[in-house]
N, C-alpha and C. Protein backbone atom coordinates (compact mmCIF):
# COMPACT_ATOMS: atom_id res chain seq x y z
N MET A 1 144.60 124.98 79.64
CA MET A 1 145.36 124.08 80.51
C MET A 1 145.86 124.84 81.73
N LYS A 2 145.76 124.21 82.90
CA LYS A 2 146.17 124.86 84.14
C LYS A 2 147.69 125.04 84.19
N PRO A 3 148.15 126.15 84.82
CA PRO A 3 149.59 126.41 84.93
C PRO A 3 150.38 125.25 85.54
N LYS A 4 149.80 124.59 86.57
CA LYS A 4 150.48 123.48 87.22
C LYS A 4 150.71 122.34 86.24
N MET A 5 149.72 122.06 85.38
CA MET A 5 149.86 121.00 84.38
C MET A 5 150.93 121.36 83.36
N ILE A 6 150.98 122.64 82.97
CA ILE A 6 152.00 123.09 82.01
C ILE A 6 153.40 122.89 82.60
N ILE A 7 153.55 123.22 83.88
CA ILE A 7 154.84 123.04 84.55
C ILE A 7 155.21 121.56 84.62
N LYS A 8 154.22 120.71 84.94
CA LYS A 8 154.47 119.26 85.00
C LYS A 8 154.96 118.74 83.65
N ILE A 9 154.28 119.14 82.59
CA ILE A 9 154.65 118.68 81.25
C ILE A 9 156.04 119.16 80.88
N ALA A 10 156.34 120.43 81.20
CA ALA A 10 157.65 121.01 80.89
C ALA A 10 158.76 120.25 81.63
N ILE A 11 158.51 119.91 82.89
CA ILE A 11 159.50 119.17 83.68
C ILE A 11 159.69 117.76 83.12
N ASP A 12 158.60 117.10 82.73
CA ASP A 12 158.69 115.76 82.16
C ASP A 12 159.47 115.77 80.84
N ILE A 13 159.25 116.78 80.02
CA ILE A 13 159.99 116.91 78.76
C ILE A 13 161.47 117.14 79.04
N ALA A 14 161.76 118.02 80.01
CA ALA A 14 163.15 118.31 80.37
C ALA A 14 163.84 117.06 80.92
N MET A 15 163.12 116.26 81.72
CA MET A 15 163.68 115.02 82.26
C MET A 15 164.00 114.03 81.15
N THR A 16 163.11 113.95 80.16
CA THR A 16 163.33 113.03 79.04
C THR A 16 164.57 113.41 78.24
N ILE A 17 164.72 114.72 77.98
CA ILE A 17 165.89 115.21 77.26
C ILE A 17 167.16 114.96 78.07
N ALA A 18 167.09 115.25 79.38
CA ALA A 18 168.25 115.04 80.25
C ALA A 18 168.64 113.57 80.30
N LEU A 19 167.64 112.69 80.36
CA LEU A 19 167.90 111.24 80.40
C LEU A 19 168.65 110.79 79.15
N LEU A 20 168.23 111.27 78.00
CA LEU A 20 168.89 110.90 76.74
C LEU A 20 170.32 111.43 76.69
N LEU A 21 170.52 112.66 77.15
CA LEU A 21 171.86 113.25 77.15
C LEU A 21 172.78 112.53 78.13
N LEU A 22 172.22 112.09 79.26
CA LEU A 22 173.04 111.37 80.24
C LEU A 22 173.57 110.05 79.68
N MET A 23 172.83 109.44 78.77
CA MET A 23 173.27 108.17 78.19
C MET A 23 174.45 108.35 77.24
N THR A 24 174.72 109.59 76.82
CA THR A 24 175.84 109.84 75.90
C THR A 24 177.18 109.88 76.63
N TYR A 25 177.15 110.14 77.90
CA TYR A 25 178.31 110.19 78.80
C TYR A 25 179.56 110.80 78.15
N GLU A 26 180.53 109.97 77.74
CA GLU A 26 181.82 110.47 77.25
C GLU A 26 181.68 111.34 76.01
N LEU A 27 180.62 111.15 75.24
CA LEU A 27 180.46 111.91 74.00
C LEU A 27 180.20 113.39 74.26
N ILE A 28 179.69 113.74 75.44
CA ILE A 28 179.48 115.15 75.78
C ILE A 28 180.47 115.63 76.83
N GLY A 29 181.28 114.71 77.33
CA GLY A 29 182.29 115.07 78.32
C GLY A 29 181.84 114.79 79.75
N GLN A 30 182.77 114.45 80.60
CA GLN A 30 182.45 114.09 81.99
C GLN A 30 181.84 115.25 82.77
N ALA A 31 182.36 116.43 82.59
CA ALA A 31 181.85 117.59 83.34
C ALA A 31 180.40 117.86 82.97
N ALA A 32 180.10 117.87 81.67
CA ALA A 32 178.72 118.10 81.23
C ALA A 32 177.80 117.00 81.75
N HIS A 33 178.29 115.77 81.72
CA HIS A 33 177.51 114.62 82.22
C HIS A 33 177.15 114.83 83.69
N GLU A 34 178.11 115.28 84.49
CA GLU A 34 177.85 115.47 85.91
C GLU A 34 176.85 116.59 86.16
N TRP A 35 176.99 117.70 85.47
CA TRP A 35 176.07 118.82 85.67
C TRP A 35 174.65 118.48 85.20
N ILE A 36 174.55 117.74 84.09
CA ILE A 36 173.23 117.31 83.62
C ILE A 36 172.62 116.34 84.63
N GLY A 37 173.48 115.49 85.23
CA GLY A 37 173.01 114.57 86.26
C GLY A 37 172.43 115.30 87.46
N ILE A 38 173.10 116.37 87.87
CA ILE A 38 172.59 117.18 88.98
C ILE A 38 171.26 117.83 88.59
N GLY A 39 171.20 118.33 87.35
CA GLY A 39 169.96 118.91 86.85
C GLY A 39 168.83 117.89 86.82
N MET A 40 169.17 116.65 86.44
CA MET A 40 168.19 115.57 86.41
C MET A 40 167.63 115.30 87.82
N PHE A 41 168.51 115.32 88.80
CA PHE A 41 168.09 115.10 90.18
C PHE A 41 167.13 116.20 90.64
N VAL A 42 167.44 117.44 90.31
CA VAL A 42 166.58 118.57 90.68
C VAL A 42 165.21 118.43 90.02
N LEU A 43 165.20 118.07 88.73
CA LEU A 43 163.94 117.87 88.02
C LEU A 43 163.15 116.71 88.61
N PHE A 44 163.87 115.66 89.00
CA PHE A 44 163.24 114.47 89.59
C PHE A 44 162.53 114.83 90.90
N VAL A 45 163.21 115.62 91.72
CA VAL A 45 162.61 116.07 92.99
C VAL A 45 161.39 116.94 92.71
N ALA A 46 161.52 117.87 91.75
CA ALA A 46 160.40 118.75 91.40
C ALA A 46 159.21 117.95 90.89
N HIS A 47 159.50 116.92 90.09
CA HIS A 47 158.45 116.06 89.55
C HIS A 47 157.65 115.41 90.69
N HIS A 48 158.35 114.92 91.71
CA HIS A 48 157.67 114.24 92.81
C HIS A 48 156.96 115.21 93.75
N VAL A 49 157.50 116.42 93.88
CA VAL A 49 156.81 117.43 94.68
C VAL A 49 155.49 117.81 94.02
N LEU A 50 155.52 118.00 92.71
CA LEU A 50 154.30 118.37 91.97
C LEU A 50 153.29 117.23 91.91
N ASN A 51 153.78 116.00 92.06
CA ASN A 51 152.89 114.84 92.07
C ASN A 51 152.77 114.24 93.47
N GLY A 52 152.87 115.13 94.48
CA GLY A 52 152.83 114.68 95.87
C GLY A 52 151.53 113.99 96.24
N LYS A 53 150.46 114.29 95.53
CA LYS A 53 149.17 113.67 95.80
C LYS A 53 149.24 112.16 95.66
N TRP A 54 150.08 111.69 94.71
CA TRP A 54 150.24 110.24 94.50
C TRP A 54 150.76 109.57 95.76
N GLY A 55 151.77 110.18 96.40
CA GLY A 55 152.34 109.61 97.61
C GLY A 55 151.35 109.60 98.76
N LYS A 56 150.54 110.66 98.87
CA LYS A 56 149.56 110.76 99.95
C LYS A 56 148.48 109.68 99.83
N ASN A 57 148.18 109.28 98.59
CA ASN A 57 147.13 108.29 98.35
C ASN A 57 147.66 106.87 98.20
N LEU A 58 148.96 106.70 98.48
CA LEU A 58 149.61 105.40 98.25
C LEU A 58 148.94 104.25 99.01
N LEU A 59 148.49 104.52 100.22
CA LEU A 59 147.88 103.47 101.05
C LEU A 59 146.35 103.53 101.03
N LYS A 60 145.81 104.31 100.13
CA LYS A 60 144.36 104.44 100.03
C LYS A 60 143.84 103.75 98.77
N GLY A 61 142.59 103.31 98.83
CA GLY A 61 141.95 102.75 97.65
C GLY A 61 142.35 101.31 97.35
N ARG A 62 141.73 100.77 96.31
CA ARG A 62 141.96 99.37 95.93
C ARG A 62 143.10 99.28 94.92
N TYR A 63 143.91 98.26 95.08
CA TYR A 63 145.04 98.06 94.18
C TYR A 63 144.66 97.06 93.08
N THR A 64 144.45 97.61 91.88
CA THR A 64 144.21 96.77 90.71
C THR A 64 145.55 96.31 90.16
N SER A 65 145.54 95.43 89.17
CA SER A 65 146.78 94.97 88.53
C SER A 65 147.54 96.14 87.93
N LEU A 66 146.80 97.07 87.33
CA LEU A 66 147.43 98.25 86.73
C LEU A 66 148.10 99.11 87.79
N ARG A 67 147.41 99.36 88.88
CA ARG A 67 147.97 100.21 89.93
C ARG A 67 149.18 99.56 90.59
N ILE A 68 149.14 98.24 90.77
CA ILE A 68 150.27 97.51 91.34
C ILE A 68 151.50 97.67 90.44
N MET A 69 151.31 97.49 89.13
CA MET A 69 152.42 97.60 88.20
C MET A 69 152.97 99.02 88.15
N GLN A 70 152.08 100.01 88.17
CA GLN A 70 152.51 101.40 88.18
C GLN A 70 153.33 101.71 89.42
N THR A 71 152.87 101.21 90.57
CA THR A 71 153.57 101.46 91.84
C THR A 71 154.93 100.79 91.85
N VAL A 72 154.99 99.56 91.37
CA VAL A 72 156.27 98.84 91.29
C VAL A 72 157.25 99.59 90.41
N LEU A 73 156.77 100.10 89.28
CA LEU A 73 157.63 100.85 88.37
C LEU A 73 158.17 102.12 89.02
N VAL A 74 157.31 102.82 89.74
CA VAL A 74 157.74 104.04 90.43
C VAL A 74 158.83 103.72 91.45
N VAL A 75 158.64 102.65 92.21
CA VAL A 75 159.63 102.24 93.22
C VAL A 75 160.95 101.87 92.54
N LEU A 76 160.88 101.15 91.42
CA LEU A 76 162.10 100.78 90.69
C LEU A 76 162.82 102.00 90.14
N VAL A 77 162.05 102.98 89.66
CA VAL A 77 162.65 104.23 89.18
C VAL A 77 163.34 104.95 90.33
N LEU A 78 162.70 104.97 91.49
CA LEU A 78 163.28 105.62 92.68
C LEU A 78 164.59 104.94 93.08
N PHE A 79 164.61 103.61 93.08
CA PHE A 79 165.83 102.88 93.43
C PHE A 79 166.95 103.15 92.44
N SER A 80 166.61 103.13 91.14
CA SER A 80 167.63 103.36 90.11
C SER A 80 168.16 104.79 90.19
N MET A 81 167.27 105.76 90.45
CA MET A 81 167.71 107.15 90.59
C MET A 81 168.62 107.31 91.81
N PHE A 82 168.23 106.67 92.92
CA PHE A 82 169.04 106.72 94.14
C PHE A 82 170.43 106.12 93.88
N GLY A 83 170.46 104.97 93.19
CA GLY A 83 171.74 104.33 92.87
C GLY A 83 172.60 105.20 91.98
N SER A 84 171.99 105.83 90.99
CA SER A 84 172.73 106.71 90.08
C SER A 84 173.32 107.91 90.81
N MET A 85 172.51 108.50 91.70
CA MET A 85 172.96 109.70 92.40
C MET A 85 174.07 109.39 93.41
N VAL A 86 173.89 108.33 94.19
CA VAL A 86 174.91 107.97 95.19
C VAL A 86 176.23 107.64 94.50
N SER A 87 176.16 106.79 93.47
CA SER A 87 177.39 106.42 92.75
C SER A 87 177.97 107.61 92.01
N GLY A 88 177.09 108.50 91.50
CA GLY A 88 177.57 109.68 90.79
C GLY A 88 178.34 110.62 91.70
N VAL A 89 177.88 110.75 92.93
CA VAL A 89 178.58 111.60 93.92
C VAL A 89 179.98 111.03 94.18
N ILE A 90 180.07 109.71 94.34
CA ILE A 90 181.37 109.07 94.61
C ILE A 90 182.32 109.23 93.43
N LEU A 91 181.79 109.12 92.22
CA LEU A 91 182.62 109.15 91.02
C LEU A 91 182.94 110.56 90.52
N SER A 92 182.24 111.57 91.04
CA SER A 92 182.38 112.93 90.52
C SER A 92 183.82 113.45 90.57
N ARG A 93 184.25 114.00 89.44
CA ARG A 93 185.59 114.60 89.36
C ARG A 93 185.52 116.09 89.03
N HIS A 94 184.31 116.60 88.84
CA HIS A 94 184.16 117.99 88.43
C HIS A 94 183.16 118.73 89.33
N ALA A 95 181.87 118.48 89.13
CA ALA A 95 180.83 119.24 89.83
C ALA A 95 180.91 119.09 91.34
N LEU A 96 181.26 117.89 91.82
CA LEU A 96 181.29 117.64 93.28
C LEU A 96 182.68 117.22 93.74
N SER A 97 183.70 117.64 93.02
CA SER A 97 185.07 117.23 93.34
C SER A 97 185.52 117.73 94.70
N PHE A 98 184.88 118.80 95.20
CA PHE A 98 185.25 119.37 96.50
C PHE A 98 184.97 118.41 97.65
N LEU A 99 184.16 117.38 97.40
CA LEU A 99 183.85 116.40 98.45
C LEU A 99 185.04 115.48 98.73
N SER A 100 185.93 115.36 97.73
CA SER A 100 187.17 114.58 97.89
C SER A 100 186.92 113.15 98.37
N ILE A 101 185.98 112.47 97.75
CA ILE A 101 185.70 111.07 98.09
C ILE A 101 186.66 110.18 97.31
N SER A 102 187.39 109.33 98.01
CA SER A 102 188.41 108.52 97.33
C SER A 102 188.09 107.03 97.29
N GLY A 103 187.38 106.51 98.28
CA GLY A 103 187.13 105.08 98.34
C GLY A 103 185.87 104.64 97.61
N GLY A 104 185.79 103.35 97.33
CA GLY A 104 184.58 102.76 96.76
C GLY A 104 184.30 103.06 95.31
N ARG A 105 185.31 103.50 94.56
CA ARG A 105 185.08 103.90 93.18
C ARG A 105 184.75 102.71 92.26
N ALA A 106 185.37 101.56 92.51
CA ALA A 106 185.10 100.38 91.67
C ALA A 106 183.65 99.94 91.82
N PHE A 107 183.18 99.87 93.07
CA PHE A 107 181.79 99.50 93.31
C PHE A 107 180.85 100.55 92.73
N ALA A 108 181.20 101.83 92.93
CA ALA A 108 180.36 102.92 92.44
C ALA A 108 180.24 102.89 90.92
N ARG A 109 181.32 102.53 90.24
CA ARG A 109 181.30 102.48 88.78
C ARG A 109 180.31 101.41 88.29
N SER A 110 180.33 100.24 88.93
CA SER A 110 179.39 99.17 88.56
C SER A 110 177.95 99.57 88.90
N LEU A 111 177.77 100.16 90.08
CA LEU A 111 176.44 100.60 90.50
C LEU A 111 175.90 101.66 89.56
N HIS A 112 176.77 102.58 89.15
CA HIS A 112 176.34 103.67 88.27
C HIS A 112 175.86 103.13 86.92
N MET A 113 176.59 102.15 86.41
CA MET A 113 176.22 101.58 85.12
C MET A 113 174.88 100.84 85.19
N ILE A 114 174.75 99.96 86.18
CA ILE A 114 173.53 99.16 86.25
C ILE A 114 172.32 100.03 86.60
N ALA A 115 172.53 101.04 87.45
CA ALA A 115 171.43 101.94 87.82
C ALA A 115 171.03 102.80 86.62
N ALA A 116 172.00 103.24 85.85
CA ALA A 116 171.72 104.11 84.70
C ALA A 116 170.94 103.37 83.61
N TYR A 117 171.38 102.16 83.27
CA TYR A 117 170.73 101.44 82.17
C TYR A 117 169.38 100.86 82.57
N TRP A 118 169.29 100.32 83.79
CA TRP A 118 167.98 99.85 84.25
C TRP A 118 167.04 101.04 84.46
N GLY A 119 167.59 102.14 84.97
CA GLY A 119 166.78 103.35 85.15
C GLY A 119 166.24 103.86 83.83
N PHE A 120 167.05 103.81 82.79
CA PHE A 120 166.61 104.23 81.45
C PHE A 120 165.41 103.39 81.00
N VAL A 121 165.49 102.09 81.22
CA VAL A 121 164.39 101.19 80.84
C VAL A 121 163.16 101.44 81.71
N PHE A 122 163.35 101.52 83.02
CA PHE A 122 162.21 101.73 83.93
C PHE A 122 161.51 103.06 83.66
N MET A 123 162.27 104.12 83.42
CA MET A 123 161.66 105.42 83.14
C MET A 123 160.90 105.41 81.82
N SER A 124 161.44 104.69 80.84
CA SER A 124 160.76 104.58 79.55
C SER A 124 159.45 103.80 79.70
N LEU A 125 159.47 102.72 80.46
CA LEU A 125 158.25 101.96 80.72
C LEU A 125 157.23 102.82 81.47
N HIS A 126 157.72 103.57 82.46
CA HIS A 126 156.87 104.47 83.24
C HIS A 126 156.20 105.51 82.32
N LEU A 127 156.98 106.03 81.40
CA LEU A 127 156.44 106.98 80.43
C LEU A 127 155.36 106.32 79.58
N GLY A 128 155.58 105.07 79.20
CA GLY A 128 154.61 104.33 78.41
C GLY A 128 153.29 104.13 79.13
N PHE A 129 153.36 103.96 80.46
CA PHE A 129 152.14 103.76 81.25
C PHE A 129 151.28 105.02 81.28
N HIS A 130 151.88 106.17 80.98
CA HIS A 130 151.14 107.43 80.98
C HIS A 130 150.98 108.00 79.56
N TRP A 131 151.28 107.15 78.57
CA TRP A 131 151.27 107.62 77.18
C TRP A 131 149.87 108.01 76.71
N SER A 132 148.87 107.25 77.10
CA SER A 132 147.49 107.56 76.67
C SER A 132 147.07 108.94 77.15
N MET A 133 147.42 109.27 78.41
CA MET A 133 147.08 110.57 78.96
C MET A 133 147.78 111.69 78.19
N MET A 134 149.06 111.48 77.87
CA MET A 134 149.82 112.50 77.14
C MET A 134 149.30 112.68 75.73
N MET A 135 148.90 111.57 75.08
CA MET A 135 148.36 111.67 73.74
C MET A 135 147.00 112.36 73.75
N SER A 136 146.25 112.17 74.83
CA SER A 136 144.96 112.84 74.97
C SER A 136 145.15 114.34 75.09
N ILE A 137 146.14 114.74 75.89
CA ILE A 137 146.44 116.17 76.04
C ILE A 137 146.91 116.76 74.72
N ALA A 138 147.81 116.04 74.04
CA ALA A 138 148.33 116.50 72.76
C ALA A 138 147.22 116.62 71.72
N GLY A 139 146.28 115.65 71.74
CA GLY A 139 145.16 115.66 70.80
C GLY A 139 144.29 116.89 70.96
N LYS A 140 144.07 117.28 72.22
CA LYS A 140 143.25 118.46 72.49
C LYS A 140 143.95 119.74 72.01
N LEU A 141 145.27 119.76 72.12
CA LEU A 141 146.03 120.94 71.72
C LEU A 141 146.05 121.14 70.21
N VAL A 142 145.94 120.02 69.46
CA VAL A 142 145.99 120.13 67.99
C VAL A 142 144.61 120.04 67.35
N GLY A 143 143.57 120.11 68.17
CA GLY A 143 142.22 120.20 67.59
C GLY A 143 141.37 118.96 67.66
N GLY A 144 141.57 118.13 68.66
CA GLY A 144 140.71 116.96 68.83
C GLY A 144 141.19 115.73 68.11
N PRO A 145 140.46 114.61 68.25
CA PRO A 145 140.87 113.33 67.66
C PRO A 145 140.84 113.34 66.13
N SER A 146 141.70 112.51 65.55
CA SER A 146 141.78 112.39 64.10
C SER A 146 142.17 110.96 63.76
N ALA A 147 141.35 110.29 62.96
CA ALA A 147 141.61 108.89 62.57
C ALA A 147 142.92 108.79 61.77
N ILE A 148 143.14 109.75 60.87
CA ILE A 148 144.35 109.73 60.04
C ILE A 148 145.59 109.90 60.92
N ARG A 149 145.52 110.89 61.83
CA ARG A 149 146.66 111.12 62.72
C ARG A 149 146.93 109.91 63.60
N LYS A 150 145.86 109.25 64.04
CA LYS A 150 146.01 108.08 64.89
C LYS A 150 146.78 106.98 64.16
N TRP A 151 146.43 106.73 62.90
CA TRP A 151 147.10 105.68 62.15
C TRP A 151 148.53 106.05 61.77
N VAL A 152 148.76 107.33 61.50
CA VAL A 152 150.13 107.79 61.22
C VAL A 152 151.01 107.57 62.44
N LEU A 153 150.47 107.90 63.61
CA LEU A 153 151.23 107.71 64.86
C LEU A 153 151.46 106.23 65.15
N ARG A 154 150.48 105.39 64.85
CA ARG A 154 150.64 103.95 65.08
C ARG A 154 151.73 103.37 64.17
N ILE A 155 151.73 103.78 62.92
CA ILE A 155 152.75 103.30 61.98
C ILE A 155 154.13 103.78 62.41
N ALA A 156 154.21 105.05 62.85
CA ALA A 156 155.48 105.61 63.33
C ALA A 156 155.96 104.84 64.56
N ALA A 157 155.02 104.49 65.45
CA ALA A 157 155.38 103.75 66.66
C ALA A 157 155.94 102.38 66.32
N VAL A 158 155.34 101.71 65.34
CA VAL A 158 155.83 100.39 64.92
C VAL A 158 157.24 100.50 64.35
N LEU A 159 157.47 101.51 63.52
CA LEU A 159 158.78 101.70 62.90
C LEU A 159 159.84 102.04 63.95
N ILE A 160 159.48 102.91 64.89
CA ILE A 160 160.43 103.30 65.94
C ILE A 160 160.75 102.12 66.84
N ALA A 161 159.71 101.39 67.27
CA ALA A 161 159.93 100.24 68.15
C ALA A 161 160.73 99.15 67.43
N GLY A 162 160.44 98.94 66.14
CA GLY A 162 161.17 97.94 65.36
C GLY A 162 162.65 98.28 65.27
N TYR A 163 162.95 99.53 64.98
CA TYR A 163 164.35 99.95 64.93
C TYR A 163 164.95 99.94 66.33
N GLY A 164 164.11 100.20 67.34
CA GLY A 164 164.58 100.19 68.72
C GLY A 164 165.13 98.83 69.14
N VAL A 165 164.51 97.76 68.65
CA VAL A 165 165.01 96.41 68.92
C VAL A 165 166.41 96.25 68.35
N TYR A 166 166.57 96.71 67.09
CA TYR A 166 167.88 96.64 66.43
C TYR A 166 168.91 97.48 67.19
N ALA A 167 168.53 98.71 67.59
CA ALA A 167 169.44 99.59 68.30
C ALA A 167 169.82 99.03 69.67
N PHE A 168 168.88 98.38 70.34
CA PHE A 168 169.13 97.77 71.65
C PHE A 168 170.25 96.73 71.52
N VAL A 169 170.18 95.93 70.47
CA VAL A 169 171.22 94.90 70.23
C VAL A 169 172.51 95.56 69.75
N LYS A 170 172.39 96.48 68.82
CA LYS A 170 173.55 97.17 68.24
C LYS A 170 174.37 97.88 69.30
N ARG A 171 173.69 98.54 70.23
CA ARG A 171 174.39 99.31 71.27
C ARG A 171 174.78 98.45 72.47
N ASP A 172 174.46 97.16 72.41
CA ASP A 172 174.87 96.20 73.45
C ASP A 172 174.30 96.57 74.82
N ILE A 173 173.12 97.15 74.82
CA ILE A 173 172.52 97.65 76.07
C ILE A 173 172.25 96.52 77.06
N GLY A 174 171.82 95.36 76.56
CA GLY A 174 171.54 94.22 77.43
C GLY A 174 172.75 93.80 78.26
N SER A 175 173.94 93.84 77.66
CA SER A 175 175.14 93.43 78.39
C SER A 175 175.49 94.43 79.49
N TYR A 176 175.17 95.70 79.27
CA TYR A 176 175.43 96.71 80.30
C TYR A 176 174.44 96.56 81.45
N MET A 177 173.20 96.23 81.12
CA MET A 177 172.18 96.04 82.15
C MET A 177 172.52 94.87 83.06
N LEU A 178 173.15 93.86 82.50
CA LEU A 178 173.50 92.65 83.26
C LEU A 178 174.95 92.66 83.74
N LEU A 179 175.66 93.76 83.49
CA LEU A 179 177.06 93.92 83.87
C LEU A 179 177.97 92.86 83.24
N LYS A 180 177.54 92.34 82.09
CA LYS A 180 178.41 91.42 81.37
C LYS A 180 179.58 92.18 80.76
N ASN A 181 179.37 93.44 80.49
CA ASN A 181 180.41 94.32 79.99
C ASN A 181 180.38 95.57 80.86
N GLN A 182 181.44 95.82 81.59
CA GLN A 182 181.45 96.91 82.56
C GLN A 182 182.06 98.20 82.01
N PHE A 183 182.39 98.20 80.73
CA PHE A 183 182.92 99.40 80.11
C PHE A 183 182.12 99.69 78.84
N VAL A 184 181.48 100.85 78.82
CA VAL A 184 180.63 101.22 77.69
C VAL A 184 181.51 101.67 76.53
N PHE A 185 181.21 101.14 75.33
CA PHE A 185 181.97 101.51 74.14
C PHE A 185 181.36 102.76 73.52
N PHE A 186 182.22 103.75 73.23
CA PHE A 186 181.80 104.95 72.54
C PHE A 186 182.68 105.16 71.31
N ASP A 187 182.05 105.37 70.18
CA ASP A 187 182.77 105.69 68.95
C ASP A 187 182.82 107.21 68.82
N PHE A 188 183.96 107.79 69.13
CA PHE A 188 184.07 109.25 69.16
C PHE A 188 184.04 109.87 67.76
N GLU A 189 184.12 109.04 66.74
CA GLU A 189 184.01 109.56 65.37
C GLU A 189 182.56 109.56 64.88
N GLU A 190 181.68 108.92 65.64
CA GLU A 190 180.27 108.87 65.29
C GLU A 190 179.58 110.18 65.66
N PRO A 191 178.77 110.74 64.77
CA PRO A 191 178.02 111.96 65.11
C PRO A 191 177.12 111.73 66.32
N LEU A 192 177.10 112.68 67.22
CA LEU A 192 176.29 112.57 68.44
C LEU A 192 174.83 112.33 68.12
N VAL A 193 174.34 112.95 67.05
CA VAL A 193 172.92 112.85 66.70
C VAL A 193 172.52 111.41 66.40
N LEU A 194 173.44 110.62 65.80
CA LEU A 194 173.13 109.22 65.48
C LEU A 194 173.04 108.38 66.76
N PHE A 195 173.94 108.67 67.71
CA PHE A 195 173.90 107.95 68.99
C PHE A 195 172.60 108.25 69.71
N VAL A 196 172.24 109.53 69.78
CA VAL A 196 171.01 109.93 70.46
C VAL A 196 169.79 109.35 69.77
N PHE A 197 169.81 109.32 68.42
CA PHE A 197 168.69 108.76 67.68
C PHE A 197 168.46 107.30 68.05
N ASP A 198 169.54 106.53 68.15
CA ASP A 198 169.40 105.11 68.52
C ASP A 198 168.77 104.97 69.90
N TYR A 199 169.19 105.81 70.84
CA TYR A 199 168.64 105.72 72.19
C TYR A 199 167.19 106.23 72.25
N ILE A 200 166.86 107.17 71.39
CA ILE A 200 165.45 107.61 71.29
C ILE A 200 164.58 106.44 70.85
N THR A 201 165.06 105.66 69.89
CA THR A 201 164.25 104.54 69.40
C THR A 201 164.17 103.42 70.44
N VAL A 202 165.24 103.22 71.21
CA VAL A 202 165.19 102.23 72.29
C VAL A 202 164.19 102.69 73.35
N MET A 203 164.22 103.98 73.65
CA MET A 203 163.23 104.53 74.57
C MET A 203 161.83 104.32 74.01
N GLY A 204 161.67 104.58 72.71
CA GLY A 204 160.37 104.38 72.06
C GLY A 204 159.90 102.95 72.16
N LEU A 205 160.84 102.00 72.05
CA LEU A 205 160.51 100.58 72.18
C LEU A 205 159.89 100.29 73.55
N PHE A 206 160.54 100.77 74.61
CA PHE A 206 160.04 100.48 75.96
C PHE A 206 158.82 101.32 76.32
N VAL A 207 158.69 102.49 75.72
CA VAL A 207 157.46 103.27 75.88
C VAL A 207 156.29 102.49 75.29
N ALA A 208 156.51 101.92 74.11
CA ALA A 208 155.46 101.12 73.46
C ALA A 208 155.10 99.90 74.30
N ILE A 209 156.13 99.22 74.84
CA ILE A 209 155.88 98.06 75.70
C ILE A 209 155.07 98.47 76.93
N GLY A 210 155.47 99.59 77.54
CA GLY A 210 154.75 100.08 78.72
C GLY A 210 153.32 100.46 78.39
N HIS A 211 153.12 101.11 77.25
CA HIS A 211 151.78 101.54 76.85
C HIS A 211 150.85 100.35 76.63
N TYR A 212 151.30 99.38 75.86
CA TYR A 212 150.43 98.25 75.55
C TYR A 212 150.25 97.32 76.74
N LEU A 213 151.25 97.29 77.64
CA LEU A 213 151.09 96.52 78.87
C LEU A 213 150.03 97.17 79.75
N SER A 214 150.06 98.49 79.84
CA SER A 214 149.05 99.20 80.64
C SER A 214 147.66 99.03 80.05
N GLU A 215 147.57 99.04 78.72
CA GLU A 215 146.28 98.84 78.07
C GLU A 215 145.75 97.44 78.34
N ALA A 216 146.66 96.45 78.34
CA ALA A 216 146.23 95.07 78.63
C ALA A 216 145.75 94.92 80.06
N LEU A 217 146.40 95.64 80.98
CA LEU A 217 146.02 95.56 82.40
C LEU A 217 144.72 96.30 82.67
N LYS A 218 144.35 97.23 81.81
CA LYS A 218 143.10 97.97 81.97
C LYS A 218 141.89 97.14 81.56
N LYS A 219 142.06 96.23 80.63
CA LYS A 219 140.94 95.50 80.03
C LYS A 219 140.09 94.73 81.02
N PRO A 220 140.69 93.96 81.96
CA PRO A 220 139.83 93.24 82.92
C PRO A 220 138.92 94.18 83.71
N ARG A 221 139.47 95.35 84.09
CA ARG A 221 138.70 96.30 84.85
C ARG A 221 137.59 96.90 83.98
N GLU A 222 137.93 97.22 82.71
CA GLU A 222 136.93 97.78 81.82
C GLU A 222 135.83 96.79 81.49
N GLY A 223 136.22 95.49 81.48
CA GLY A 223 135.24 94.45 81.18
C GLY A 223 134.20 94.33 82.26
N LYS A 224 134.55 94.69 83.51
CA LYS A 224 133.60 94.64 84.61
C LYS A 224 132.61 95.79 84.54
C-alpha cells in the first residue's frame, strides 16, 4: 500500500474517533471537547488536502446519480463542519477564550447543536458511500476474499444497525437534529463506554444506509 493511502486511512480513522468523542461533550469535559474539536478541524483540512484531486475534477466528467449524491453529501458535510467550527469559536471558554467573543451565544448554541448532529449523520452516510472500497482494502490486508467472513460481517452489520435504530430513539437524537430539544441530556453516572457504544451503533446504522444506497445507485450504471 502506498504511503499516501496509509496516511489517508489513518486520518479517516482519527476523524471517526474524534467525531465519536465530540458527541460525548459534557462527559469528557468542555475543555477536552474544544481541543478535540480543533483537532477534528485540522484532520478535516488534511483530509481535503490529500483528496484535492476530487475538487479539481468537480466540474469534469458526467454526473451519474451516484456522483450527484456523493457530491451533495460532501457539500452537506462541509456546511455542517463550517457551522460547528464557527459556533464552536463563539462558544469557546477554554481553547479560544483569548478571543473574548461575547455576543451571539444563544444563536451559536443552537447552530452548534444542529450542525453537530446533522454533521454526525452526514459523515456517517459519507463513510457508508465509501464502505465497499474500505472493505476491499481490508480484505486484501487479511488475505483476500472469504465467504465466511463476508457473512459474519453481514450478520454483524444487521445487529449493529438494528441496535442503532434503538439507540437513535433512546438517545433522542432526532429531537436534537430538529431542535425540538435544545439541551442535550447526559447521565453522568453512566459509563462513558456505554454512551460511546450507542453512538457507534447509530453511526453503523447510517453507514449501512449509505452503503446500500450507494449500491442501489450503482445498479443502473452497471446494468448498462
